[in-house]
Every structure is written in C-alpha cells, then in structure tokens.
N, C-alpha and C. Protein backbone atom coordinates (compact mmCIF):
# COMPACT_ATOMS: atom_id res chain seq x y z
N MET A 1 0.84 -1.17 0.00
CA MET A 1 0.00 0.00 0.00
C MET A 1 0.89 1.24 0.00
N THR A 2 0.59 2.16 -0.92
CA THR A 2 1.37 3.39 -0.99
C THR A 2 0.82 4.42 0.00
N ILE A 3 1.58 5.47 0.18
CA ILE A 3 1.17 6.52 1.11
C ILE A 3 -0.11 7.22 0.64
N VAL A 4 -0.29 7.39 -0.67
CA VAL A 4 -1.53 8.01 -1.16
C VAL A 4 -2.71 7.06 -1.04
N GLU A 5 -2.47 5.76 -1.14
CA GLU A 5 -3.54 4.79 -0.91
C GLU A 5 -3.94 4.80 0.57
N MET A 6 -2.97 4.99 1.44
CA MET A 6 -3.28 5.08 2.87
C MET A 6 -4.12 6.32 3.16
N LEU A 7 -3.83 7.41 2.49
CA LEU A 7 -4.62 8.63 2.66
C LEU A 7 -6.07 8.38 2.25
N ALA A 8 -6.27 7.78 1.08
CA ALA A 8 -7.63 7.51 0.59
C ALA A 8 -8.35 6.54 1.52
N ARG A 9 -7.64 5.55 2.02
CA ARG A 9 -8.24 4.60 2.96
C ARG A 9 -8.68 5.30 4.24
N ASN A 10 -7.83 6.15 4.78
CA ASN A 10 -8.20 6.87 6.00
C ASN A 10 -9.37 7.81 5.77
N ALA A 11 -9.45 8.41 4.58
CA ALA A 11 -10.58 9.29 4.26
C ALA A 11 -11.89 8.50 4.22
N ARG A 12 -11.82 7.25 3.77
CA ARG A 12 -13.03 6.40 3.76
C ARG A 12 -13.38 5.93 5.17
N ARG A 13 -12.38 5.51 5.93
CA ARG A 13 -12.62 4.94 7.26
C ARG A 13 -12.96 5.99 8.32
N TYR A 14 -12.30 7.12 8.26
CA TYR A 14 -12.44 8.15 9.30
C TYR A 14 -12.72 9.52 8.68
N PRO A 15 -13.77 9.65 7.88
CA PRO A 15 -13.96 10.88 7.12
C PRO A 15 -14.01 12.16 7.96
N ASN A 16 -14.57 12.08 9.14
CA ASN A 16 -14.75 13.29 9.96
C ASN A 16 -13.77 13.40 11.12
N ALA A 17 -12.79 12.50 11.15
CA ALA A 17 -11.77 12.56 12.21
C ALA A 17 -10.66 13.52 11.79
N PRO A 18 -10.03 14.18 12.75
CA PRO A 18 -8.93 15.08 12.41
C PRO A 18 -7.78 14.32 11.73
N ALA A 19 -7.31 14.87 10.62
CA ALA A 19 -6.17 14.29 9.91
C ALA A 19 -4.90 15.03 10.29
N LEU A 20 -4.99 16.36 10.28
CA LEU A 20 -3.83 17.21 10.55
C LEU A 20 -4.25 18.41 11.39
N ILE A 21 -3.36 18.81 12.25
CA ILE A 21 -3.57 20.01 13.05
C ILE A 21 -2.33 20.88 12.90
N GLU A 22 -2.55 22.13 12.52
CA GLU A 22 -1.46 23.07 12.34
C GLU A 22 -1.59 24.17 13.38
N LEU A 23 -0.53 24.39 14.12
CA LEU A 23 -0.54 25.42 15.16
C LEU A 23 0.46 26.51 14.83
N GLN A 24 0.04 27.74 15.05
CA GLN A 24 0.93 28.90 14.96
C GLN A 24 0.72 29.69 16.25
N PRO A 25 1.37 29.23 17.33
CA PRO A 25 1.12 29.84 18.64
C PRO A 25 1.33 31.34 18.69
N SER A 26 2.33 31.85 17.97
CA SER A 26 2.60 33.29 18.02
C SER A 26 1.44 34.11 17.47
N LYS A 27 0.68 33.52 16.55
CA LYS A 27 -0.47 34.23 15.97
C LYS A 27 -1.79 33.72 16.55
N LYS A 28 -1.68 32.78 17.50
CA LYS A 28 -2.86 32.18 18.12
C LYS A 28 -3.80 31.57 17.07
N ILE A 29 -3.18 30.87 16.12
CA ILE A 29 -3.94 30.23 15.04
C ILE A 29 -3.85 28.71 15.21
N ARG A 30 -5.00 28.08 15.10
CA ARG A 30 -5.07 26.61 15.12
C ARG A 30 -5.92 26.21 13.93
N ARG A 31 -5.34 25.46 13.01
CA ARG A 31 -6.05 25.00 11.82
C ARG A 31 -6.12 23.49 11.86
N GLU A 32 -7.31 22.97 11.69
CA GLU A 32 -7.51 21.51 11.71
C GLU A 32 -8.20 21.12 10.41
N ILE A 33 -7.80 19.98 9.87
CA ILE A 33 -8.41 19.48 8.64
C ILE A 33 -8.77 18.01 8.86
N ILE A 34 -9.98 17.64 8.46
CA ILE A 34 -10.42 16.24 8.62
C ILE A 34 -9.97 15.43 7.41
N TRP A 35 -9.98 14.10 7.57
CA TRP A 35 -9.48 13.22 6.52
C TRP A 35 -10.21 13.42 5.19
N LYS A 36 -11.54 13.54 5.25
CA LYS A 36 -12.30 13.70 4.01
C LYS A 36 -11.87 14.97 3.27
N GLU A 37 -11.76 16.08 3.97
CA GLU A 37 -11.36 17.34 3.35
C GLU A 37 -9.92 17.28 2.83
N PHE A 38 -9.04 16.67 3.61
CA PHE A 38 -7.64 16.53 3.19
C PHE A 38 -7.56 15.75 1.88
N ASP A 39 -8.27 14.63 1.81
CA ASP A 39 -8.28 13.80 0.60
C ASP A 39 -8.86 14.58 -0.59
N GLU A 40 -9.93 15.33 -0.36
CA GLU A 40 -10.54 16.11 -1.44
C GLU A 40 -9.58 17.18 -1.96
N ARG A 41 -8.88 17.85 -1.05
CA ARG A 41 -7.94 18.90 -1.45
C ARG A 41 -6.74 18.31 -2.20
N VAL A 42 -6.26 17.14 -1.75
CA VAL A 42 -5.16 16.46 -2.45
C VAL A 42 -5.62 16.07 -3.85
N ASN A 43 -6.83 15.52 -3.96
CA ASN A 43 -7.35 15.14 -5.28
C ASN A 43 -7.50 16.35 -6.19
N ARG A 44 -7.97 17.47 -5.64
CA ARG A 44 -8.14 18.69 -6.43
C ARG A 44 -6.79 19.16 -6.97
N LEU A 45 -5.76 19.10 -6.12
CA LEU A 45 -4.44 19.53 -6.56
C LEU A 45 -3.88 18.56 -7.61
N ALA A 46 -4.05 17.26 -7.39
CA ALA A 46 -3.58 16.26 -8.37
C ALA A 46 -4.27 16.48 -9.71
N ASN A 47 -5.57 16.72 -9.68
CA ASN A 47 -6.31 16.96 -10.93
C ASN A 47 -5.87 18.25 -11.61
N ALA A 48 -5.54 19.26 -10.82
CA ALA A 48 -5.04 20.52 -11.40
C ALA A 48 -3.72 20.28 -12.12
N LEU A 49 -2.86 19.45 -11.55
CA LEU A 49 -1.59 19.13 -12.21
C LEU A 49 -1.84 18.36 -13.51
N ILE A 50 -2.72 17.38 -13.44
CA ILE A 50 -3.04 16.58 -14.63
C ILE A 50 -3.65 17.47 -15.71
N ASP A 51 -4.53 18.39 -15.32
CA ASP A 51 -5.13 19.32 -16.28
C ASP A 51 -4.09 20.21 -16.94
N ARG A 52 -2.95 20.39 -16.27
CA ARG A 52 -1.87 21.21 -16.81
C ARG A 52 -0.80 20.35 -17.48
N SER A 53 -1.20 19.13 -17.89
CA SER A 53 -0.35 18.21 -18.66
C SER A 53 0.83 17.67 -17.89
N ILE A 54 0.74 17.60 -16.59
CA ILE A 54 1.77 16.96 -15.78
C ILE A 54 1.49 15.46 -15.81
N ARG A 55 2.51 14.68 -16.15
CA ARG A 55 2.32 13.23 -16.32
C ARG A 55 3.31 12.44 -15.48
N LYS A 56 3.01 11.16 -15.33
CA LYS A 56 3.87 10.25 -14.57
C LYS A 56 5.30 10.36 -15.07
N GLY A 57 6.23 10.46 -14.12
CA GLY A 57 7.64 10.57 -14.45
C GLY A 57 8.15 12.00 -14.53
N ASP A 58 7.23 12.98 -14.67
CA ASP A 58 7.66 14.38 -14.66
C ASP A 58 8.13 14.74 -13.25
N ARG A 59 8.87 15.83 -13.16
CA ARG A 59 9.31 16.34 -11.85
C ARG A 59 8.58 17.64 -11.55
N VAL A 60 8.10 17.75 -10.32
CA VAL A 60 7.40 18.95 -9.88
C VAL A 60 8.06 19.45 -8.60
N ILE A 61 8.60 20.65 -8.67
CA ILE A 61 9.19 21.29 -7.49
C ILE A 61 8.06 21.90 -6.68
N HIS A 62 8.14 21.74 -5.35
CA HIS A 62 7.24 22.54 -4.53
C HIS A 62 8.06 23.21 -3.45
N LEU A 63 7.79 24.50 -3.36
CA LEU A 63 8.54 25.38 -2.49
C LEU A 63 7.54 26.18 -1.67
N MET A 64 7.39 25.77 -0.43
CA MET A 64 6.37 26.36 0.43
C MET A 64 6.85 26.35 1.87
N MET A 65 6.19 27.16 2.67
CA MET A 65 6.43 27.11 4.11
C MET A 65 5.88 25.79 4.64
N ASN A 66 6.38 25.33 5.78
CA ASN A 66 5.87 24.12 6.40
C ASN A 66 4.43 24.37 6.86
N SER A 67 3.51 23.58 6.33
CA SER A 67 2.10 23.80 6.63
C SER A 67 1.27 22.62 6.13
N ILE A 68 -0.01 22.69 6.41
CA ILE A 68 -0.94 21.70 5.85
C ILE A 68 -0.90 21.78 4.32
N ASN A 69 -0.82 23.00 3.79
CA ASN A 69 -0.75 23.16 2.33
C ASN A 69 0.46 22.45 1.73
N TRP A 70 1.58 22.45 2.47
CA TRP A 70 2.77 21.74 2.00
C TRP A 70 2.45 20.26 1.82
N LEU A 71 1.77 19.68 2.82
CA LEU A 71 1.41 18.26 2.74
C LEU A 71 0.41 17.99 1.62
N GLU A 72 -0.54 18.90 1.43
CA GLU A 72 -1.49 18.74 0.32
C GLU A 72 -0.75 18.73 -1.02
N ALA A 73 0.19 19.63 -1.18
CA ALA A 73 0.96 19.68 -2.42
C ALA A 73 1.78 18.40 -2.60
N TYR A 74 2.43 17.96 -1.55
CA TYR A 74 3.27 16.76 -1.63
C TYR A 74 2.44 15.54 -2.01
N PHE A 75 1.33 15.33 -1.31
CA PHE A 75 0.48 14.18 -1.62
C PHE A 75 -0.15 14.31 -3.01
N GLY A 76 -0.53 15.53 -3.40
CA GLY A 76 -1.10 15.73 -4.72
C GLY A 76 -0.12 15.40 -5.83
N ILE A 77 1.13 15.79 -5.63
CA ILE A 77 2.17 15.47 -6.61
C ILE A 77 2.35 13.95 -6.69
N LEU A 78 2.46 13.30 -5.53
CA LEU A 78 2.64 11.85 -5.53
C LEU A 78 1.47 11.12 -6.17
N LYS A 79 0.28 11.64 -5.96
CA LYS A 79 -0.92 10.99 -6.49
C LYS A 79 -0.91 10.95 -8.02
N THR A 80 -0.23 11.90 -8.66
CA THR A 80 -0.17 11.93 -10.12
C THR A 80 0.89 10.97 -10.67
N GLY A 81 1.71 10.42 -9.80
CA GLY A 81 2.79 9.54 -10.26
C GLY A 81 4.03 10.31 -10.67
N THR A 82 4.05 11.61 -10.39
CA THR A 82 5.22 12.41 -10.73
C THR A 82 6.20 12.41 -9.56
N TRP A 83 7.37 12.92 -9.81
CA TRP A 83 8.40 13.01 -8.78
C TRP A 83 8.26 14.33 -8.03
N ALA A 84 8.09 14.25 -6.73
CA ALA A 84 8.05 15.45 -5.91
C ALA A 84 9.48 15.89 -5.61
N VAL A 85 9.75 17.17 -5.85
CA VAL A 85 11.07 17.73 -5.57
C VAL A 85 10.86 18.88 -4.57
N PRO A 86 10.76 18.56 -3.28
CA PRO A 86 10.55 19.63 -2.29
C PRO A 86 11.84 20.41 -2.06
N LEU A 87 11.71 21.73 -2.04
CA LEU A 87 12.86 22.59 -1.76
C LEU A 87 12.67 23.25 -0.40
N ASN A 88 13.77 23.53 0.24
CA ASN A 88 13.77 24.18 1.54
C ASN A 88 13.30 25.63 1.39
N PHE A 89 12.31 26.01 2.20
CA PHE A 89 11.77 27.37 2.09
C PHE A 89 12.80 28.44 2.47
N ARG A 90 13.91 28.04 3.04
CA ARG A 90 14.96 29.00 3.39
C ARG A 90 15.93 29.26 2.22
N PHE A 91 15.77 28.51 1.14
CA PHE A 91 16.64 28.74 -0.02
C PHE A 91 16.49 30.17 -0.51
N ILE A 92 17.60 30.73 -0.97
CA ILE A 92 17.58 32.05 -1.59
C ILE A 92 17.67 31.86 -3.10
N SER A 93 17.48 32.93 -3.84
CA SER A 93 17.36 32.84 -5.31
C SER A 93 18.42 31.98 -6.00
N PRO A 94 19.73 32.15 -5.70
CA PRO A 94 20.71 31.32 -6.41
C PRO A 94 20.53 29.82 -6.13
N GLN A 95 20.14 29.47 -4.92
CA GLN A 95 19.92 28.06 -4.59
C GLN A 95 18.68 27.52 -5.30
N ILE A 96 17.66 28.34 -5.40
CA ILE A 96 16.44 27.91 -6.10
C ILE A 96 16.74 27.74 -7.58
N LYS A 97 17.45 28.70 -8.17
CA LYS A 97 17.80 28.61 -9.59
C LYS A 97 18.63 27.36 -9.85
N TYR A 98 19.60 27.09 -9.00
CA TYR A 98 20.44 25.90 -9.15
C TYR A 98 19.57 24.64 -9.09
N SER A 99 18.66 24.58 -8.14
CA SER A 99 17.79 23.41 -7.99
C SER A 99 16.89 23.22 -9.21
N VAL A 100 16.36 24.32 -9.73
CA VAL A 100 15.53 24.26 -10.93
C VAL A 100 16.35 23.77 -12.11
N ASP A 101 17.58 24.28 -12.26
CA ASP A 101 18.45 23.86 -13.36
C ASP A 101 18.77 22.37 -13.28
N ILE A 102 19.02 21.87 -12.07
CA ILE A 102 19.37 20.46 -11.89
C ILE A 102 18.15 19.54 -12.07
N ALA A 103 17.03 19.92 -11.44
CA ALA A 103 15.85 19.05 -11.44
C ALA A 103 15.10 19.07 -12.78
N GLU A 104 15.22 20.19 -13.52
CA GLU A 104 14.47 20.35 -14.77
C GLU A 104 13.00 20.00 -14.58
N PRO A 105 12.32 20.73 -13.68
CA PRO A 105 10.92 20.39 -13.39
C PRO A 105 10.00 20.76 -14.55
N LYS A 106 8.93 20.02 -14.66
CA LYS A 106 7.89 20.36 -15.63
C LYS A 106 7.02 21.47 -15.06
N ALA A 107 6.97 21.56 -13.72
CA ALA A 107 6.18 22.60 -13.07
C ALA A 107 6.73 22.87 -11.69
N MET A 108 6.28 23.98 -11.12
CA MET A 108 6.61 24.32 -9.74
C MET A 108 5.33 24.73 -9.04
N ILE A 109 5.23 24.41 -7.78
CA ILE A 109 4.13 24.89 -6.95
C ILE A 109 4.76 25.74 -5.86
N LEU A 110 4.36 27.00 -5.82
CA LEU A 110 4.92 27.93 -4.84
C LEU A 110 3.84 28.34 -3.86
N GLY A 111 4.20 28.37 -2.58
CA GLY A 111 3.30 28.90 -1.57
C GLY A 111 3.20 30.40 -1.72
N GLY A 112 2.15 30.98 -1.14
CA GLY A 112 1.89 32.41 -1.30
C GLY A 112 3.04 33.33 -0.94
N ARG A 113 3.63 33.14 0.24
CA ARG A 113 4.73 34.02 0.66
C ARG A 113 5.93 33.89 -0.26
N ILE A 114 6.21 32.68 -0.69
CA ILE A 114 7.36 32.45 -1.57
C ILE A 114 7.07 33.00 -2.96
N TYR A 115 5.85 32.85 -3.42
CA TYR A 115 5.47 33.38 -4.72
C TYR A 115 5.68 34.89 -4.77
N ARG A 116 5.29 35.58 -3.72
CA ARG A 116 5.44 37.04 -3.69
C ARG A 116 6.90 37.46 -3.77
N LYS A 117 7.81 36.59 -3.29
CA LYS A 117 9.24 36.89 -3.34
C LYS A 117 9.86 36.47 -4.67
N SER A 118 9.13 35.72 -5.49
CA SER A 118 9.73 35.07 -6.66
C SER A 118 9.58 35.87 -7.94
N ARG A 119 9.19 37.10 -7.87
CA ARG A 119 8.95 37.88 -9.09
C ARG A 119 10.16 37.94 -10.00
N SER A 120 11.36 37.73 -9.45
CA SER A 120 12.56 37.82 -10.29
C SER A 120 12.87 36.52 -11.02
N TYR A 121 12.17 35.43 -10.67
CA TYR A 121 12.42 34.17 -11.35
C TYR A 121 11.80 34.22 -12.74
N SER A 122 12.35 33.45 -13.65
CA SER A 122 11.80 33.36 -15.00
C SER A 122 10.73 32.28 -15.01
N LEU A 123 9.49 32.69 -14.72
CA LEU A 123 8.41 31.72 -14.60
C LEU A 123 7.17 32.18 -15.34
N ALA A 124 6.46 31.22 -15.89
CA ALA A 124 5.11 31.48 -16.37
C ALA A 124 4.20 31.04 -15.22
N VAL A 125 3.28 31.88 -14.83
CA VAL A 125 2.54 31.63 -13.59
C VAL A 125 1.05 31.66 -13.83
N THR A 126 0.34 30.77 -13.16
CA THR A 126 -1.11 30.84 -13.08
C THR A 126 -1.48 30.80 -11.61
N ASP A 127 -2.36 31.65 -11.20
CA ASP A 127 -2.72 31.79 -9.79
C ASP A 127 -3.89 30.86 -9.46
N ASP A 128 -3.77 30.11 -8.39
CA ASP A 128 -4.82 29.20 -7.94
C ASP A 128 -5.11 29.48 -6.48
N LYS A 129 -5.41 30.72 -6.13
CA LYS A 129 -5.70 31.22 -4.78
C LYS A 129 -4.57 30.96 -3.80
N GLU A 130 -4.53 29.78 -3.18
CA GLU A 130 -3.55 29.50 -2.14
C GLU A 130 -2.21 29.07 -2.70
N LEU A 131 -2.24 28.42 -3.85
CA LEU A 131 -1.01 27.91 -4.45
C LEU A 131 -0.82 28.54 -5.82
N HIS A 132 0.40 28.63 -6.23
CA HIS A 132 0.72 29.22 -7.52
C HIS A 132 1.46 28.16 -8.35
N PHE A 133 0.86 27.78 -9.47
CA PHE A 133 1.46 26.80 -10.36
C PHE A 133 2.33 27.55 -11.36
N CYS A 134 3.57 27.11 -11.50
CA CYS A 134 4.53 27.83 -12.33
C CYS A 134 5.25 26.86 -13.25
N TRP A 135 5.65 27.38 -14.41
CA TRP A 135 6.44 26.61 -15.35
C TRP A 135 7.67 27.40 -15.71
N PRO A 136 8.85 26.77 -15.60
CA PRO A 136 10.05 27.50 -16.05
C PRO A 136 9.91 27.86 -17.52
N LYS A 137 10.20 29.09 -17.87
CA LYS A 137 10.11 29.51 -19.27
C LYS A 137 11.28 28.92 -20.05
N PRO A 138 11.02 28.55 -21.30
CA PRO A 138 12.14 28.04 -22.12
C PRO A 138 13.24 29.09 -22.25
N ALA A 139 14.48 28.63 -22.30
CA ALA A 139 15.63 29.56 -22.42
C ALA A 139 15.64 30.24 -23.75
C-alpha cells in the first residue's frame, strides 16, 4: 500500500476525524483538517496538475512554508505519479535557480509568501488562490 492509498483509505474509514492540526502559537492560530477534506484537497491539486499536462515521471518542485498546504501539495504530486522535488523554504534565489536547473521540473508549486518573493524568477505563472502553479520559461 502506498502513502496516497493510505490517505484515501483513511478518508473512507475516518472521514470526519482530524487528519492534521497546524498550530501557529505566536499568531494564536489553530487550523484543523479532517481526513475527508484533506483527501478532497489532495485530489483537487492532483487533478489541477493533470489538467496542466503533468504526467507520470515528470518532476514537480514545490517550495512552500511548512504547513498543511505543503502536505497537500506533496500528496497531490505523488498521487499523479510524478516526482516530488521539495525545496527548503529558506533557499535564496541562487539556490532555487540551481535546484531548478538540476531538477528540470515540468512545473513548480509555490506557496503564497514564496510566490510574492519570486517575481525575479523566469516563470510562467497561473494563480490558484492558495497555491501558484509555475512553469520554467524556455531559455
């Protein structure tokens, strides 16, 4: 059983049970997501990648802050059969460029805060509210 199969199984068995809890004590924020919602959001992201011609064997970079959204992106990428290439959110532009050059991703998923900092990257971007799907522009 793969990790994405385990996610789908848990969504069927425990649809209304908490799957993930995210705490940001400094902001007094507590975010909880149930298994059913987590599975639906992962499926929505996987379908968005497939709709954008991402196929099995492609590489998808995701660069986001540690959060529930990070896990949704990771599971969504895996669900498509593509290779997830997570980058450290502390990377600065030269490290990100180097990683993109080495990985040769078909797409990138950037979290909101990182997307706002990425205006200098050579990317074609489509906005999807919480996540930003990006494609490296041809040289």
